[in-house]
C-alpha atoms as a PDB file:
ATOM      1  CA  MET A   1      90.179 125.869  87.127  1.00  0.00           C
ATOM      2  CA  LYS A   2      91.162 123.823  83.946  1.00  0.00           C
ATOM      3  CA  GLU A   3      89.448 120.449  83.716  1.00  0.00           C
ATOM      4  CA  ILE A   4      90.416 117.200  82.134  1.00  0.00           C
ATOM      5  CA  ILE A   5      87.989 114.095  81.699  1.00  0.00           C
ATOM      6  CA  PHE A   6      89.710 110.755  82.493  1.00  0.00           C
ATOM      7  CA  ALA A   7      87.728 107.930  81.069  1.00  0.00           C
ATOM      8  CA  THR A   8      87.856 105.072  83.501  1.00  0.00           C
ATOM      9  CA  THR A   9      85.830 102.742  86.106  1.00  0.00           C
ATOM     10  CA  ASN A  10      88.824 102.675  88.438  1.00  0.00           C
ATOM     11  CA  LYS A  11      88.305 105.017  91.268  1.00  0.00           C
ATOM     12  CA  GLY A  12      91.644 104.337  92.517  1.00  0.00           C
ATOM     13  CA  LYS A  13      93.831 105.981  89.369  1.00  0.00           C
ATOM     14  CA  VAL A  14      90.929 108.702  89.558  1.00  0.00           C
ATOM     15  CA  HIS A  15      92.522 109.585  93.408  1.00  0.00           C
ATOM     16  CA  SER A  16      95.689 109.157  92.351  1.00  0.00           C
ATOM     17  CA  LEU A  17      95.829 111.582  88.899  1.00  0.00           C
ATOM     18  CA  SER A  18      93.548 114.042  90.910  1.00  0.00           C
ATOM     19  CA  ALA A  19      95.970 113.713  93.407  1.00  0.00           C
ATOM     20  CA  ILE A  20      98.580 115.346  91.187  1.00  0.00           C
ATOM     21  CA  LEU A  21      96.607 117.280  88.727  1.00  0.00           C
ATOM     22  CA  ASN A  22      94.828 119.186  91.542  1.00  0.00           C
ATOM     23  CA  SER A  23      98.373 120.957  92.696  1.00  0.00           C
ATOM     24  CA  TYR A  24      98.367 121.870  88.867  1.00  0.00           C
ATOM     25  CA  ASP A  25      94.761 123.360  89.636  1.00  0.00           C
ATOM     26  CA  ILE A  26      93.426 121.099  87.296  1.00  0.00           C
ATOM     27  CA  ASN A  27      90.290 119.491  87.977  1.00  0.00           C
ATOM     28  CA  VAL A  28      89.812 115.569  87.127  1.00  0.00           C
ATOM     29  CA  ILE A  29      86.218 114.534  85.893  1.00  0.00           C
ATOM     30  CA  GLN A  30      86.024 110.732  86.378  1.00  0.00           C
ATOM     31  CA  TYR A  31      83.922 109.220  82.514  1.00  0.00           C
ATOM     32  CA  ASP A  32      82.869 106.155  83.993  1.00  0.00           C
ATOM     33  CA  LEU A  33      83.535 104.212  81.018  1.00  0.00           C
ATOM     34  CA  GLU A  34      84.391 100.492  79.942  1.00  0.00           C
ATOM     35  CA  LEU A  35      87.408 100.844  77.796  1.00  0.00           C
ATOM     36  CA  PRO A  36      87.907  98.179  75.021  1.00  0.00           C
ATOM     37  CA  GLU A  37      91.518  96.805  75.349  1.00  0.00           C
ATOM     38  CA  PRO A  38      93.340  94.741  72.180  1.00  0.00           C
ATOM     39  CA  ARG A  39      95.220  91.784  72.964  1.00  0.00           C
ATOM     40  CA  THR A  40      99.104  93.040  73.056  1.00  0.00           C
ATOM     41  CA  ASP A  41     101.739  93.661  75.290  1.00  0.00           C
ATOM     42  CA  ASP A  42     102.296  97.509  74.089  1.00  0.00           C
ATOM     43  CA  LEU A  43     101.210  99.379  76.555  1.00  0.00           C
ATOM     44  CA  GLN A  44     100.819 102.568  74.569  1.00  0.00           C
ATOM     45  CA  GLU A  45      99.177 100.770  71.549  1.00  0.00           C
ATOM     46  CA  ILE A  46      96.691 100.170  74.451  1.00  0.00           C
ATOM     47  CA  ALA A  47      96.883 103.534  76.434  1.00  0.00           C
ATOM     48  CA  ARG A  48      96.150 104.239  72.227  1.00  0.00           C
ATOM     49  CA  HIS A  49      93.123 102.391  71.774  1.00  0.00           C
ATOM     50  CA  LYS A  50      91.407 103.249  74.961  1.00  0.00           C
ATOM     51  CA  VAL A  51      92.080 107.283  74.649  1.00  0.00           C
ATOM     52  CA  MET A  52      90.772 107.223  70.643  1.00  0.00           C
ATOM     53  CA  PHE A  53      87.590 105.200  72.145  1.00  0.00           C
ATOM     54  CA  ALA A  54      86.922 107.182  74.832  1.00  0.00           C
ATOM     55  CA  TYR A  55      87.313 109.976  72.850  1.00  0.00           C
ATOM     56  CA  GLN A  56      84.738 108.647  70.274  1.00  0.00           C
ATOM     57  CA  GLN A  57      82.383 108.417  73.171  1.00  0.00           C
ATOM     58  CA  ILE A  58      82.762 111.536  74.612  1.00  0.00           C
ATOM     59  CA  GLY A  59      83.391 113.862  72.017  1.00  0.00           C
ATOM     60  CA  LYS A  60      85.686 116.250  74.242  1.00  0.00           C
ATOM     61  CA  PRO A  61      89.602 116.160  74.822  1.00  0.00           C
ATOM     62  CA  CYS A  62      90.713 113.289  77.373  1.00  0.00           C
ATOM     63  CA  VAL A  63      92.999 110.995  78.463  1.00  0.00           C
ATOM     64  CA  ALA A  64      93.133 107.357  79.364  1.00  0.00           C
ATOM     65  CA  LEU A  65      95.696 105.114  81.361  1.00  0.00           C
ATOM     66  CA  ASP A  66      97.192 101.705  81.007  1.00  0.00           C
ATOM     67  CA  SER A  67      99.569 100.222  83.375  1.00  0.00           C
ATOM     68  CA  GLY A  68     101.623  97.059  83.212  1.00  0.00           C
ATOM     69  CA  PHE A  69     103.596  94.973  85.855  1.00  0.00           C
ATOM     70  CA  TYR A  70     106.802  93.247  84.776  1.00  0.00           C
ATOM     71  CA  ILE A  71     108.398  90.868  87.028  1.00  0.00           C
ATOM     72  CA  ASP A  72     112.342  90.657  85.754  1.00  0.00           C
ATOM     73  CA  SER A  73     112.711  87.366  86.768  1.00  0.00           C
ATOM     74  CA  LEU A  74     109.512  86.107  84.744  1.00  0.00           C
ATOM     75  CA  ASN A  75     110.573  88.281  81.302  1.00  0.00           C
ATOM     76  CA  GLY A  76     108.256  90.531  82.476  1.00  0.00           C
ATOM     77  CA  PHE A  77     105.070  88.275  83.074  1.00  0.00           C
ATOM     78  CA  PRO A  78     102.305  89.159  83.429  1.00  0.00           C
ATOM     79  CA  LYS A  79     103.244  92.722  81.246  1.00  0.00           C
ATOM     80  CA  THR A  80     100.151  94.103  80.770  1.00  0.00           C
ATOM     81  CA  PHE A  81      98.005  91.366  81.386  1.00  0.00           C
ATOM     82  CA  VAL A  82      97.704  91.882  85.266  1.00  0.00           C
ATOM     83  CA  ASN A  83      93.915  91.583  85.066  1.00  0.00           C
ATOM     84  CA  PHE A  84      93.756  88.574  83.511  1.00  0.00           C
ATOM     85  CA  ALA A  85      96.951  87.094  85.379  1.00  0.00           C
ATOM     86  CA  LEU A  86      95.173  88.132  88.684  1.00  0.00           C
ATOM     87  CA  GLU A  87      91.904  86.649  87.801  1.00  0.00           C
ATOM     88  CA  THR A  88      93.301  83.308  86.812  1.00  0.00           C
ATOM     89  CA  ILE A  89      96.084  82.918  89.438  1.00  0.00           C
ATOM     90  CA  GLY A  90      95.970  85.634  91.586  1.00  0.00           C
ATOM     91  CA  LEU A  91      98.053  86.875  94.276  1.00  0.00           C
ATOM     92  CA  GLU A  92      99.527  83.580  95.228  1.00  0.00           C
ATOM     93  CA  GLY A  93     100.273  82.615  92.125  1.00  0.00           C
ATOM     94  CA  ILE A  94     102.059  84.940  91.194  1.00  0.00           C
ATOM     95  CA  LEU A  95     104.174  84.750  94.627  1.00  0.00           C
ATOM     96  CA  THR A  96     104.730  80.712  93.582  1.00  0.00           C
ATOM     97  CA  LEU A  97     106.196  81.817  90.042  1.00  0.00           C
ATOM     98  CA  VAL A  98     108.658  83.895  91.771  1.00  0.00           C
ATOM     99  CA  ASP A  99     109.271  81.642  94.709  1.00  0.00           C
ATOM    100  CA  GLY A 100     113.151  81.112  94.714  1.00  0.00           C
ATOM    101  CA  LYS A 101     114.381  83.681  91.864  1.00  0.00           C
ATOM    102  CA  GLN A 102     114.913  87.536  91.789  1.00  0.00           C
ATOM    103  CA  ARG A 103     112.228  89.241  92.817  1.00  0.00           C
ATOM    104  CA  ASN A 104     112.984  92.649  91.030  1.00  0.00           C
ATOM    105  CA  CYS A 105     109.855  94.276  89.126  1.00  0.00           C
ATOM    106  CA  GLU A 106     107.852  97.276  87.964  1.00  0.00           C
ATOM    107  CA  PHE A 107     104.771  99.004  87.164  1.00  0.00           C
ATOM    108  CA  ARG A 108     104.620 100.726  84.040  1.00  0.00           C
ATOM    109  CA  ASN A 109     102.248 103.497  83.416  1.00  0.00           C
ATOM    110  CA  CYS A 110     101.147 105.320  79.924  1.00  0.00           C
ATOM    111  CA  LEU A 111      98.558 107.706  80.024  1.00  0.00           C
ATOM    112  CA  ALA A 112      97.673 108.715  76.357  1.00  0.00           C
ATOM    113  CA  TYR A 113      95.858 112.344  75.832  1.00  0.00           C
ATOM    114  CA  TYR A 114      93.759 113.041  72.376  1.00  0.00           C
ATOM    115  CA  ASP A 115      91.542 115.919  71.402  1.00  0.00           C
ATOM    116  CA  ARG A 116      90.648 116.623  68.040  1.00  0.00           C
ATOM    117  CA  ILE A 117      93.313 119.330  66.987  1.00  0.00           C
ATOM    118  CA  LEU A 118      95.731 116.631  67.339  1.00  0.00           C
ATOM    119  CA  SER A 119      96.203 113.607  64.487  1.00  0.00           C
ATOM    120  CA  GLU A 120      97.700 111.062  67.146  1.00  0.00           C
ATOM    121  CA  PRO A 121      97.691 110.935  70.568  1.00  0.00           C
ATOM    122  CA  LEU A 122     100.693 112.508  72.935  1.00  0.00           C
ATOM    123  CA  TYR A 123     101.727 110.008  75.516  1.00  0.00           C
ATOM    124  CA  PHE A 124     103.168 110.411  79.193  1.00  0.00           C
ATOM    125  CA  ILE A 125     105.228 107.167  80.507  1.00  0.00           C
ATOM    126  CA  SER A 126     106.846 106.711  83.816  1.00  0.00           C
ATOM    127  CA  ASN A 127     108.056 103.400  85.770  1.00  0.00           C
ATOM    128  CA  VAL A 128     108.024 102.474  89.454  1.00  0.00           C
ATOM    129  CA  PRO A 129     110.549 100.007  90.263  1.00  0.00           C
ATOM    130  CA  GLY A 130     110.438  97.955  93.456  1.00  0.00           C
ATOM    131  CA  THR A 131     110.219  94.441  94.421  1.00  0.00           C
ATOM    132  CA  LEU A 132     107.847  91.678  95.360  1.00  0.00           C
ATOM    133  CA  SER A 133     107.158  90.814  98.647  1.00  0.00           C
ATOM    134  CA  MET A 134     107.481  87.015 100.166  1.00  0.00           C
ATOM    135  CA  ASN A 135     103.448  87.035 100.966  1.00  0.00           C
ATOM    136  CA  GLN A 136     100.259  89.484 100.947  1.00  0.00           C
ATOM    137  CA  LYS A 137     100.841  92.035 103.300  1.00  0.00           C
ATOM    138  CA  GLY A 138      98.515  95.397 104.328  1.00  0.00           C
ATOM    139  CA  GLU A 139      94.651  96.331 104.533  1.00  0.00           C
ATOM    140  CA  PRO A 140      92.591  97.116 101.348  1.00  0.00           C
ATOM    141  CA  ARG A 141      91.926 100.991 100.813  1.00  0.00           C
ATOM    142  CA  ASP A 142      89.456 102.732  98.460  1.00  0.00           C
ATOM    143  CA  TYR A 143      92.479 104.316  96.925  1.00  0.00           C
ATOM    144  CA  TYR A 144      94.156 100.934  95.343  1.00  0.00           C
ATOM    145  CA  TRP A 145      94.561 100.573  91.842  1.00  0.00           C
ATOM    146  CA  SER A 146      95.040  97.003  92.155  1.00  0.00           C
ATOM    147  CA  ASP A 147      95.955  94.180  94.117  1.00  0.00           C
ATOM    148  CA  LEU A 148      99.311  94.162  93.547  1.00  0.00           C
ATOM    149  CA  PHE A 149      99.262  97.004  96.036  1.00  0.00           C
ATOM    150  CA  PHE A 150      99.791  93.881  98.589  1.00  0.00           C
ATOM    151  CA  VAL A 151     102.794  92.706  97.298  1.00  0.00           C
ATOM    152  CA  PHE A 152     104.527  95.809  95.781  1.00  0.00           C
ATOM    153  CA  ILE A 153     107.226  97.177  97.665  1.00  0.00           C
ATOM    154  CA  PRO A 154     108.543 100.087  95.822  1.00  0.00           C
ATOM    155  CA  GLU A 155     112.591 100.714  95.599  1.00  0.00           C
ATOM    156  CA  GLY A 156     113.791 102.437  98.700  1.00  0.00           C
ATOM    157  CA  LYS A 157     111.001 100.853 101.353  1.00  0.00           C
ATOM    158  CA  ASN A 158     110.707  98.038 103.087  1.00  0.00           C
ATOM    159  CA  VAL A 159     106.803  97.717 103.080  1.00  0.00           C
ATOM    160  CA  THR A 160     103.877  97.317 100.770  1.00  0.00           C
ATOM    161  CA  LEU A 161     102.128 100.200  99.653  1.00  0.00           C
ATOM    162  CA  ALA A 162      99.010  98.180 101.226  1.00  0.00           C
ATOM    163  CA  GLU A 163     101.194  98.340 104.502  1.00  0.00           C
ATOM    164  CA  MET A 164     101.641 101.917 104.299  1.00  0.00           C
ATOM    165  CA  SER A 165      99.152 104.388 106.274  1.00  0.00           C
ATOM    166  CA  PRO A 166      97.269 106.996 104.072  1.00  0.00           C
ATOM    167  CA  GLU A 167      99.768 109.586 105.513  1.00  0.00           C
ATOM    168  CA  LYS A 168     103.333 107.149 104.321  1.00  0.00           C
ATOM    169  CA  TYR A 169     101.454 106.522 101.256  1.00  0.00           C
ATOM    170  CA  ARG A 170     100.811 110.500 100.369  1.00  0.00           C
ATOM    171  CA  GLU A 171     104.529 111.036 101.346  1.00  0.00           C
ATOM    172  CA  TRP A 172     105.746 108.127  99.075  1.00  0.00           C
ATOM    173  CA  ARG A 173     103.247 109.101  96.363  1.00  0.00           C
ATOM    174  CA  GLN A 174     104.612 113.195  96.892  1.00  0.00           C
ATOM    175  CA  GLU A 175     108.390 111.590  96.316  1.00  0.00           C
ATOM    176  CA  ARG A 176     107.092 110.015  92.950  1.00  0.00           C
ATOM    177  CA  TYR A 177     105.528 113.314  91.739  1.00  0.00           C
ATOM    178  CA  LYS A 178     108.385 114.745  89.837  1.00  0.00           C
ATOM    179  CA  ASP A 179     109.072 111.887  87.558  1.00  0.00           C
ATOM    180  CA  SER A 180     105.386 110.591  87.188  1.00  0.00           C
ATOM    181  CA  PHE A 181     103.326 110.417  84.125  1.00  0.00           C
ATOM    182  CA  ALA A 182     100.652 112.848  85.374  1.00  0.00           C
ATOM    183  CA  THR A 183     103.114 115.092  86.321  1.00  0.00           C
ATOM    184  CA  LYS A 184     104.752 115.334  82.910  1.00  0.00           C
ATOM    185  CA  PHE A 185     100.926 114.941  81.591  1.00  0.00           C
ATOM    186  CA  ALA A 186      99.773 118.198  83.802  1.00  0.00           C
ATOM    187  CA  GLU A 187     102.884 120.148  83.174  1.00  0.00           C
ATOM    188  CA  TRP A 188     102.293 119.691  79.363  1.00  0.00           C
ATOM    189  CA  TYR A 189      98.700 120.755  79.819  1.00  0.00           C
ATOM    190  CA  VAL A 190      99.053 124.091  81.532  1.00  0.00           C
ATOM    191  CA  LYS A 191     101.424 124.999  78.741  1.00  0.00           C
ATOM    192  CA  ASN A 192      99.271 123.854  75.712  1.00  0.00           C
ATOM    193  CA  SER A 193      95.718 124.276  77.243  1.00  0.00           C
END
């Protein structure tokens, strides 16, 4: 079995990446590392910064992930500043901002891979479109990445990610696999490592 080090403190992200990479016979090893984030709304630049920092600390091939959340009617807000938005105005504040507006939104994810052979990291990107619910719904689970799971309804569904049972969430994630950043990375990694 191949292995890849994932630099993150977010267990939900590790769970999600592992679920996909394990099916490619790749074991994800979490390296619990607090990663600095530059103040930019460029998702790829943040992922680049994270993976380069992680590689300097770990000294082995590794991946780092950055995600943003983009609400169309708010000109993309909060973009890459999700944690700041959640810490300041919270989910209720976000829902208040979209009150009476269109609720289309999407998660954008960028996984960066780096090893000593590369001059620059490689990037694997995917988007998950959906809409914002009218209010918070669902139950907390240990595999959630973010509190946004309580308000995000994936395209083609009528419940938030947090309302889905673990089985329904796994089914939804399975549907997303073919177009996910993790699948793109896994297919590349199997061929090139």
